[in-house]
Amino acid sequence: MVSVAGGWRDVNGQKMQFSFVRIADNSKRMRGGIADHGRKGFTLIEILLVIALIGLLTGFLLVDWGNVSESFGRRNWKQSIEESFRRAHYLAETEDEALRVRFDPEESVLVLERLDGGEELERFPLRGVEEISEVATGASTSLSRGARDLIFSIEFGRDGSAETVVFDVTRSDGESRFQNHPFSGRLIDPEEEGSELFR
């Protein structure tokens, strides 16, 4: 924009006319075909778009996180059982004493304790497990879901070996049947071919 201004001024007793030209650059800069008036910031549409995208991504993550935490919870109790068996195997062998792992239904934990005296050594929480019941022990091959012992426990000898037990784990979402490996502490499906350790 060009503006011209002028006027009269008294210089040393004489009137002199003057003028000056002022040029101001207020031209519109173009950005992507849209006029930029020098404003900084985001438009309302841009802000709403970002909020909508964040909301969608959060929704997807929450749905997936629910599935992940549910499957983690399912794995967690099984890993706790195996961990308690491995720990009992290790301690019985290294400390040369008989141990027992028993299920406490009131607190939903497996308790590792000395067989003589019942001194508690460690606890293993089993989140979501309501009951563990023994189905068959040792040389027994009966896998019926009939008679069960009320208190589940597995004894570990001084050499670290455990008695072989088939047991059911009852949770709110179902029931699973397992058999412990007498030396490694792994859980085995007793109905899988070749997994029976009773023979």
Protein backbone atom coordinates (compact mmCIF):
# COMPACT_ATOMS: atom_id res chain seq x y z
CA MET A 1 0.00 0.00 0.00
CA VAL A 2 1.35 3.39 -0.97
CA SER A 3 0.34 6.57 0.81
CA VAL A 4 1.43 10.11 -0.04
CA ALA A 5 1.39 12.88 2.50
CA GLY A 6 2.53 16.45 2.36
CA GLY A 7 2.13 19.90 3.80
CA TRP A 8 3.75 23.28 4.47
CA ARG A 9 6.47 23.95 6.96
CA ASP A 10 8.14 27.12 8.14
CA VAL A 11 11.90 26.82 7.69
CA ASN A 12 14.06 29.89 8.51
CA GLY A 13 11.17 32.21 8.04
CA GLN A 14 10.16 30.81 4.70
CA LYS A 15 7.26 28.55 3.97
CA MET A 16 8.33 25.40 2.18
CA GLN A 17 6.18 22.69 0.78
CA PHE A 18 7.18 19.11 1.47
CA SER A 19 5.81 15.69 0.66
CA PHE A 20 6.79 12.15 1.47
CA VAL A 21 5.77 8.75 0.25
CA ARG A 22 5.16 5.86 2.65
CA ILE A 23 5.09 2.34 1.28
CA ALA A 24 3.65 -0.32 3.55
CA ASP A 25 3.78 -3.98 2.56
CA ASN A 26 0.42 -5.41 3.57
CA SER A 27 0.28 -7.77 0.65
CA LYS A 28 -1.35 -11.13 1.30
CA ARG A 29 1.01 -14.06 1.33
CA MET A 30 -0.35 -17.21 -0.25
CA ARG A 31 0.02 -20.60 1.46
CA GLY A 32 -1.37 -23.61 -0.35
CA GLY A 33 -3.78 -21.44 -2.32
CA ILE A 34 -5.34 -19.95 0.85
CA ALA A 35 -4.64 -16.43 1.93
CA ASP A 36 -2.59 -16.18 5.13
CA HIS A 37 -3.47 -13.06 7.03
CA GLY A 38 -0.52 -13.43 9.40
CA ARG A 39 -2.49 -15.37 12.02
CA LYS A 40 -0.74 -18.08 14.01
CA GLY A 41 -2.49 -21.17 15.46
CA PHE A 42 -4.94 -23.87 14.44
CA THR A 43 -8.44 -23.58 13.10
CA LEU A 44 -11.38 -25.07 14.98
CA ILE A 45 -11.75 -27.80 12.35
CA GLU A 46 -8.11 -28.86 12.76
CA ILE A 47 -8.47 -29.06 16.54
CA LEU A 48 -11.70 -31.08 16.35
CA LEU A 49 -10.12 -33.46 13.84
CA VAL A 50 -7.16 -34.13 16.15
CA ILE A 51 -9.49 -34.72 19.13
CA ALA A 52 -11.59 -37.17 17.08
CA LEU A 53 -8.48 -39.11 16.00
CA ILE A 54 -7.18 -39.31 19.57
CA GLY A 55 -10.60 -40.57 20.71
CA LEU A 56 -10.67 -43.29 18.03
CA LEU A 57 -7.15 -44.49 18.81
CA THR A 58 -7.88 -44.55 22.55
CA GLY A 59 -11.03 -46.60 21.93
CA PHE A 60 -9.11 -49.17 19.87
CA LEU A 61 -6.37 -49.42 22.50
CA LEU A 62 -8.83 -49.89 25.36
CA VAL A 63 -10.62 -52.72 23.56
CA ASP A 64 -7.30 -54.44 22.76
CA TRP A 65 -5.96 -53.85 26.28
CA GLY A 66 -9.03 -55.58 27.72
CA ASN A 67 -8.32 -58.67 25.63
CA VAL A 68 -4.61 -58.60 26.46
CA SER A 69 -5.16 -58.24 30.22
CA GLU A 70 -7.78 -61.02 30.14
CA SER A 71 -5.41 -63.45 28.40
CA PHE A 72 -2.58 -62.34 30.69
CA GLY A 73 -4.77 -63.12 33.70
CA ARG A 74 -5.46 -66.57 32.27
CA ARG A 75 -1.77 -67.23 31.77
CA ASN A 76 -0.84 -65.70 35.11
CA TRP A 77 -2.50 -68.29 37.35
CA LYS A 78 -1.04 -71.16 35.32
CA GLN A 79 2.43 -69.64 35.52
CA SER A 80 2.02 -69.17 39.27
CA ILE A 81 1.20 -72.87 39.71
CA GLU A 82 4.23 -73.91 37.65
CA GLU A 83 6.44 -71.42 39.49
CA SER A 84 5.35 -72.79 42.88
CA PHE A 85 6.16 -76.36 41.74
CA ARG A 86 9.57 -75.35 40.37
CA ARG A 87 10.40 -73.41 43.53
CA ALA A 88 9.40 -76.36 45.74
CA HIS A 89 11.49 -78.72 43.60
CA TYR A 90 14.52 -76.40 43.88
CA LEU A 91 14.24 -75.78 47.63
CA ALA A 92 13.60 -79.44 48.49
CA GLU A 93 16.68 -80.49 46.55
CA THR A 94 19.05 -77.73 47.72
CA GLU A 95 17.97 -77.71 51.38
CA ASP A 96 17.53 -81.50 51.57
CA GLU A 97 14.11 -81.41 53.22
CA ALA A 98 10.59 -82.51 52.35
CA LEU A 99 8.21 -79.74 51.30
CA ARG A 100 4.55 -79.40 50.38
CA VAL A 101 2.60 -77.05 48.10
CA ARG A 102 -1.02 -76.69 49.17
CA PHE A 103 -3.92 -74.56 47.94
CA ASP A 104 -5.54 -72.11 50.37
CA PRO A 105 -9.08 -71.55 48.98
CA GLU A 106 -9.88 -68.68 51.36
CA GLU A 107 -7.09 -66.47 50.01
CA SER A 108 -6.76 -68.13 46.58
CA VAL A 109 -3.02 -68.76 46.99
CA LEU A 110 -0.65 -71.69 46.79
CA VAL A 111 1.39 -72.00 49.98
CA LEU A 112 4.86 -73.53 49.93
CA GLU A 113 5.64 -74.97 53.37
CA ARG A 114 7.86 -77.46 55.18
CA LEU A 115 6.29 -80.91 55.47
CA ASP A 116 7.58 -81.28 59.04
CA GLY A 117 6.07 -78.55 61.19
CA GLY A 118 4.18 -76.77 58.40
CA GLU A 119 6.35 -73.62 58.46
CA GLU A 120 5.30 -71.38 55.58
CA LEU A 121 8.10 -70.43 53.19
CA GLU A 122 6.42 -68.66 50.26
CA ARG A 123 3.00 -67.80 48.78
CA PHE A 124 1.93 -67.72 45.15
CA PRO A 125 -1.30 -65.79 44.39
CA LEU A 126 -3.71 -67.39 41.90
CA ARG A 127 -5.92 -64.57 40.64
CA GLY A 128 -9.34 -65.82 39.57
CA VAL A 129 -8.89 -69.41 40.81
CA GLU A 130 -11.78 -70.59 42.99
CA GLU A 131 -10.81 -74.21 43.63
CA ILE A 132 -8.09 -76.76 42.94
CA SER A 133 -9.20 -80.34 43.47
CA GLU A 134 -7.22 -83.54 43.22
CA VAL A 135 -8.56 -86.18 40.83
CA ALA A 136 -5.88 -88.91 40.84
CA THR A 137 -2.59 -89.46 42.63
CA GLY A 138 0.44 -91.68 42.08
CA ALA A 139 -0.28 -95.05 40.47
CA SER A 140 -4.00 -94.36 40.19
CA THR A 141 -5.12 -93.96 36.59
CA SER A 142 -8.71 -92.97 37.25
CA LEU A 143 -9.43 -89.68 35.48
CA SER A 144 -13.11 -89.46 36.36
CA ARG A 145 -14.49 -86.11 37.50
CA GLY A 146 -16.20 -87.75 40.47
CA ALA A 147 -14.62 -87.96 43.91
CA ARG A 148 -12.18 -85.20 44.80
CA ASP A 149 -10.05 -84.38 47.81
CA LEU A 150 -11.11 -81.20 49.57
CA ILE A 151 -7.59 -79.84 50.19
CA PHE A 152 -5.20 -79.93 47.25
CA SER A 153 -1.53 -80.50 48.09
CA ILE A 154 1.55 -81.96 46.44
CA GLU A 155 4.52 -83.26 48.41
CA PHE A 156 8.13 -82.93 47.30
CA GLY A 157 10.77 -85.37 48.59
CA ARG A 158 14.28 -84.50 49.73
CA ASP A 159 15.58 -85.25 46.22
CA GLY A 160 13.20 -82.62 44.76
CA SER A 161 10.90 -85.08 43.05
CA ALA A 162 7.16 -84.68 43.46
CA GLU A 163 4.33 -87.13 43.56
CA THR A 164 2.39 -87.14 40.29
CA VAL A 165 -1.09 -85.67 40.68
CA VAL A 166 -3.96 -85.05 38.26
CA PHE A 167 -6.00 -82.07 39.41
CA ASP A 168 -8.76 -79.72 38.23
CA VAL A 169 -8.42 -75.94 38.42
CA THR A 170 -11.82 -74.24 38.70
CA ARG A 171 -12.16 -70.58 37.74
CA SER A 172 -15.13 -68.32 37.16
CA ASP A 173 -14.70 -68.74 33.39
CA GLY A 174 -14.29 -72.53 33.32
CA GLU A 175 -12.32 -75.55 34.46
CA SER A 176 -8.99 -77.01 33.32
CA ARG A 177 -7.41 -80.36 34.10
CA PHE A 178 -3.66 -80.70 34.58
CA GLN A 179 -1.04 -83.17 35.66
CA ASN A 180 2.24 -82.08 37.20
CA HIS A 181 5.58 -83.31 35.90
CA PRO A 182 7.38 -84.92 38.87
CA PHE A 183 10.78 -83.33 38.14
CA SER A 184 10.39 -80.18 36.03
CA GLY A 185 7.25 -78.65 37.60
CA ARG A 186 5.59 -78.24 34.20
CA LEU A 187 1.84 -78.65 33.85
CA ILE A 188 0.75 -81.31 31.36
CA ASP A 189 -2.62 -82.12 29.85
CA PRO A 190 -3.23 -85.66 31.19
CA GLU A 191 -5.49 -86.58 28.28
CA GLU A 192 -2.83 -85.84 25.65
CA GLU A 193 -1.35 -88.97 24.14
CA GLY A 194 2.06 -89.81 25.61
CA SER A 195 1.73 -87.42 28.54
CA GLU A 196 0.74 -89.91 31.20
CA LEU A 197 3.50 -90.27 33.75
CA PHE A 198 1.74 -92.79 35.96
CA ARG A 199 3.07 -95.81 34.11
